[in-house]
Amino acid sequence: MGLTSEKLDLTRQSDVDLVRLCLGGDKSAFAELVRRHSSGVRTHLRRMGAQGADADDMAQEAFISAYEHLAEFRFDGPFAGWIKRIASRRYLKKVRANQKYVLTDDMTLYAPEATGSDDFRAHNLDAALNRLKPAERLCLTLNFSGDLSHQDIADELKIPLGTVKSHIKRALDQLKVILSPNSDPNPNPVMETGT
C-alpha cells in the first residue's frame, strides 16, 4: 500500500518521502517541498545577484521546472541542493539572455544595496556578500549555496577552472576581513602581496 498525504502529516515527512509521494501523484507533497524550500531558494538567488521580484519569479520558475522534471531527481543528494542548482541555472540563463556581464571587476557597474548602517561588524552575511565583486560573489554562492563543484561552475560560466578557484579564494579572504570583529567598517579592498 502506497503512502498518501491524507494519512500523513506532511510537515513531519522527509524531503525524500515527499518526493516519492509526489511521484506517486500527490500534489500536496510538492506544495510542502515548496513551503520548506522557497525561502532558501529566493535567498540563494539574491545572493547570486538577482534583485527582489526577479528572485521571486526565478524561484517560482525553478519550482515549476522541478515539478515537471521530478522523475529526474536521483535521490543522491538533498532536494534543497537540487532545486538550488535548477534555480542557479535559470538565473545564469536569464543573465546571458539579457546580455548582462556579471563577470566584471568594474565595481562602478554594480552598486551594493544600502544596509541602513555602515557597521558591517554585525556579521550580516548578505551585506558582506554585497561588498564582493559580482564574479566573486557569484562563484562563491554557486559553490557554497548552490552546491556546485568548481568544475561545474567553470562549465556553467564558461570560464577557466583556475579563474573560478581564484574568485572563490578572493571572496572567502574578503569575507574574513569584512566580517572580522576588528574590521574597519569602511575598508578599501584588501590587496594581498604574495608570500
Protein backbone atom coordinates (compact mmCIF):
# COMPACT_ATOMS: atom_id res chain seq x y z
CA MET A 1 0.00 0.00 0.00
CA GLY A 2 1.43 3.38 -1.05
CA LEU A 3 1.75 6.44 1.12
CA THR A 4 -0.79 9.22 0.73
CA SER A 5 -0.85 12.63 2.33
CA GLU A 6 -4.40 12.02 3.59
CA LYS A 7 -2.95 9.71 6.25
CA LEU A 8 0.31 11.59 6.87
CA ASP A 9 1.35 14.84 8.44
CA LEU A 10 3.43 16.18 5.55
CA THR A 11 5.36 18.55 7.80
CA ARG A 12 6.89 15.51 9.52
CA GLN A 13 7.98 13.78 6.31
CA SER A 14 11.49 13.93 4.93
CA ASP A 15 12.13 15.58 1.59
CA VAL A 16 12.82 12.15 0.11
CA ASP A 17 9.44 10.87 1.29
CA LEU A 18 7.74 13.98 -0.08
CA VAL A 19 9.39 13.48 -3.49
CA ARG A 20 8.23 9.86 -3.51
CA LEU A 21 4.69 10.90 -2.58
CA CYS A 22 4.69 13.49 -5.33
CA LEU A 23 5.96 10.98 -7.87
CA GLY A 24 3.04 8.82 -6.81
CA GLY A 25 0.66 11.63 -7.78
CA ASP A 26 0.27 13.53 -4.51
CA LYS A 27 0.49 17.23 -5.42
CA SER A 28 0.16 18.37 -1.80
CA ALA A 29 3.53 16.72 -1.11
CA PHE A 30 5.18 19.02 -3.64
CA ALA A 31 3.40 22.00 -2.07
CA GLU A 32 5.13 21.06 1.19
CA LEU A 33 8.51 20.97 -0.58
CA VAL A 34 7.83 24.45 -1.95
CA ARG A 35 6.82 25.70 1.51
CA ARG A 36 10.02 24.29 3.01
CA HIS A 37 12.49 25.47 0.41
CA SER A 38 11.12 28.56 -1.32
CA SER A 39 12.70 31.00 1.11
CA GLY A 40 16.11 29.32 0.81
CA VAL A 41 15.92 29.34 -2.99
CA ARG A 42 14.99 33.04 -3.07
CA THR A 43 17.84 33.86 -0.68
CA HIS A 44 20.24 31.84 -2.82
CA LEU A 45 19.17 33.74 -5.96
CA ARG A 46 19.50 37.11 -4.21
CA ARG A 47 22.97 36.18 -3.04
CA MET A 48 23.88 35.35 -6.64
CA GLY A 49 22.78 38.84 -7.66
CA ALA A 50 19.07 38.56 -8.57
CA GLN A 51 17.05 41.50 -7.37
CA GLY A 52 13.73 41.35 -5.45
CA ALA A 53 10.92 40.43 -7.82
CA ASP A 54 13.31 38.73 -10.26
CA ALA A 55 14.49 36.40 -7.50
CA ASP A 56 10.89 35.59 -6.61
CA ASP A 57 9.96 34.93 -10.25
CA MET A 58 13.03 32.78 -10.88
CA ALA A 59 12.39 30.78 -7.70
CA GLN A 60 8.86 30.11 -8.85
CA GLU A 61 10.10 29.10 -12.30
CA ALA A 62 12.65 26.77 -10.69
CA PHE A 63 9.95 25.02 -8.68
CA ILE A 64 7.76 24.65 -11.76
CA SER A 65 10.70 23.14 -13.64
CA ALA A 66 11.49 20.86 -10.69
CA TYR A 67 7.90 19.64 -10.60
CA GLU A 68 7.94 18.95 -14.33
CA HIS A 69 11.24 17.07 -14.06
CA LEU A 70 10.81 15.47 -10.64
CA ALA A 71 11.32 11.99 -12.10
CA GLU A 72 14.91 13.09 -12.86
CA PHE A 73 15.67 13.62 -9.14
CA ARG A 74 18.17 10.84 -8.40
CA PHE A 75 17.94 10.75 -4.59
CA ASP A 76 21.75 11.00 -4.43
CA GLY A 77 21.76 14.32 -2.61
CA PRO A 78 19.44 16.67 -0.79
CA PHE A 79 16.40 18.09 -2.57
CA ALA A 80 17.46 21.58 -1.42
CA GLY A 81 20.71 21.31 -3.37
CA TRP A 82 18.91 20.01 -6.46
CA ILE A 83 16.36 22.85 -6.50
CA LYS A 84 19.10 25.44 -5.92
CA ARG A 85 21.06 24.07 -8.89
CA ILE A 86 17.93 24.41 -11.04
CA ALA A 87 17.44 27.98 -9.79
CA SER A 88 21.13 28.78 -10.39
CA ARG A 89 20.95 27.65 -13.98
CA ARG A 90 17.76 29.65 -14.56
CA TYR A 91 19.47 32.75 -13.16
CA LEU A 92 22.55 32.25 -15.34
CA LYS A 93 20.36 31.69 -18.39
CA LYS A 94 18.48 34.93 -17.71
CA VAL A 95 21.72 36.84 -17.21
CA ARG A 96 23.04 35.55 -20.55
CA ALA A 97 19.74 36.30 -22.33
CA ASN A 98 19.75 39.88 -21.08
CA GLN A 99 23.42 40.17 -22.02
CA LYS A 100 24.35 41.42 -18.58
CA TYR A 101 28.02 40.95 -17.96
CA VAL A 102 28.23 39.74 -14.35
CA LEU A 103 31.84 38.63 -14.54
CA THR A 104 33.28 42.11 -14.40
CA ASP A 105 35.78 43.59 -11.98
CA ASP A 106 34.46 47.11 -12.59
CA MET A 107 32.59 47.91 -9.37
CA THR A 108 31.11 51.09 -10.84
CA LEU A 109 28.75 48.83 -12.81
CA TYR A 110 27.48 47.31 -9.58
CA ALA A 111 26.07 49.32 -6.70
CA PRO A 112 25.71 47.35 -3.45
CA GLU A 113 22.35 47.60 -1.71
CA ALA A 114 22.12 50.04 1.17
CA THR A 115 22.29 48.28 4.53
CA GLY A 116 21.00 51.09 6.72
CA SER A 117 24.28 51.09 8.63
CA ASP A 118 27.92 51.41 7.74
CA ASP A 119 28.87 48.98 10.52
CA PHE A 120 29.41 45.57 8.93
CA ARG A 121 30.65 44.14 12.20
CA ALA A 122 27.09 42.94 12.82
CA HIS A 123 28.12 39.85 10.82
CA ASN A 124 25.43 40.34 8.22
CA LEU A 125 26.38 37.83 5.56
CA ASP A 126 24.15 39.33 2.90
CA ALA A 127 25.59 42.80 3.42
CA ALA A 128 29.10 41.34 3.30
CA LEU A 129 28.34 39.42 0.10
CA ASN A 130 27.08 42.64 -1.48
CA ARG A 131 30.53 44.14 -0.94
CA LEU A 132 32.21 41.50 -3.09
CA LYS A 133 32.84 41.85 -6.79
CA PRO A 134 29.96 40.28 -8.74
CA ALA A 135 32.08 37.47 -10.20
CA GLU A 136 33.45 36.55 -6.77
CA ARG A 137 30.00 36.62 -5.18
CA LEU A 138 28.51 34.54 -7.98
CA CYS A 139 31.21 31.84 -7.86
CA LEU A 140 31.14 31.68 -4.06
CA THR A 141 27.35 31.43 -3.93
CA LEU A 142 27.22 28.77 -6.64
CA ASN A 143 29.82 26.75 -4.73
CA PHE A 144 28.52 27.01 -1.18
CA SER A 145 24.81 27.65 -1.52
CA GLY A 146 24.26 26.11 -4.94
CA ASP A 147 26.38 23.06 -4.09
CA LEU A 148 28.18 23.16 -7.45
CA SER A 149 31.76 21.95 -7.73
CA HIS A 150 34.46 24.27 -9.02
CA GLN A 151 34.41 22.39 -12.32
CA ASP A 152 30.60 22.67 -12.56
CA ILE A 153 30.86 26.43 -12.02
CA ALA A 154 33.57 26.74 -14.67
CA ASP A 155 31.39 24.78 -17.09
CA GLU A 156 28.26 26.83 -16.33
CA LEU A 157 30.02 30.20 -16.56
CA LYS A 158 32.30 29.13 -19.41
CA ILE A 159 35.41 30.39 -17.64
CA PRO A 160 38.65 28.56 -16.75
CA LEU A 161 38.68 26.37 -13.64
CA GLY A 162 41.60 28.35 -12.20
CA THR A 163 39.60 31.56 -12.51
CA VAL A 164 36.72 30.03 -10.55
CA LYS A 165 39.11 28.89 -7.81
CA SER A 166 40.69 32.36 -7.68
CA HIS A 167 37.29 34.08 -7.43
CA ILE A 168 36.23 31.79 -4.58
CA LYS A 169 39.52 32.21 -2.69
CA ARG A 170 39.43 36.02 -3.03
CA ALA A 171 35.77 36.07 -1.95
CA LEU A 172 36.49 34.00 1.15
CA ASP A 173 39.50 36.17 2.02
CA GLN A 174 37.39 39.32 1.63
CA LEU A 175 34.55 37.90 3.74
CA LYS A 176 37.02 37.09 6.53
CA VAL A 177 38.14 40.71 6.53
CA ILE A 178 34.65 42.20 6.20
CA LEU A 179 33.14 40.01 8.91
CA SER A 180 36.07 40.27 11.29
CA PRO A 181 35.09 41.88 14.61
CA ASN A 182 38.15 44.15 14.30
CA SER A 183 37.46 45.24 10.73
CA ASP A 184 37.23 48.82 9.62
CA PRO A 185 33.54 49.46 8.72
CA ASN A 186 34.61 51.32 5.54
CA PRO A 187 37.66 49.45 4.29
CA ASN A 188 39.25 49.77 0.92
CA PRO A 189 39.54 46.46 -0.92
CA VAL A 190 42.34 44.43 0.62
CA MET A 191 45.25 43.81 -1.67
CA GLU A 192 47.39 40.86 -0.62
CA THR A 193 51.01 40.58 -1.50
CA GLY A 194 52.29 37.15 -2.43
CA THR A 195 54.14 35.22 0.23
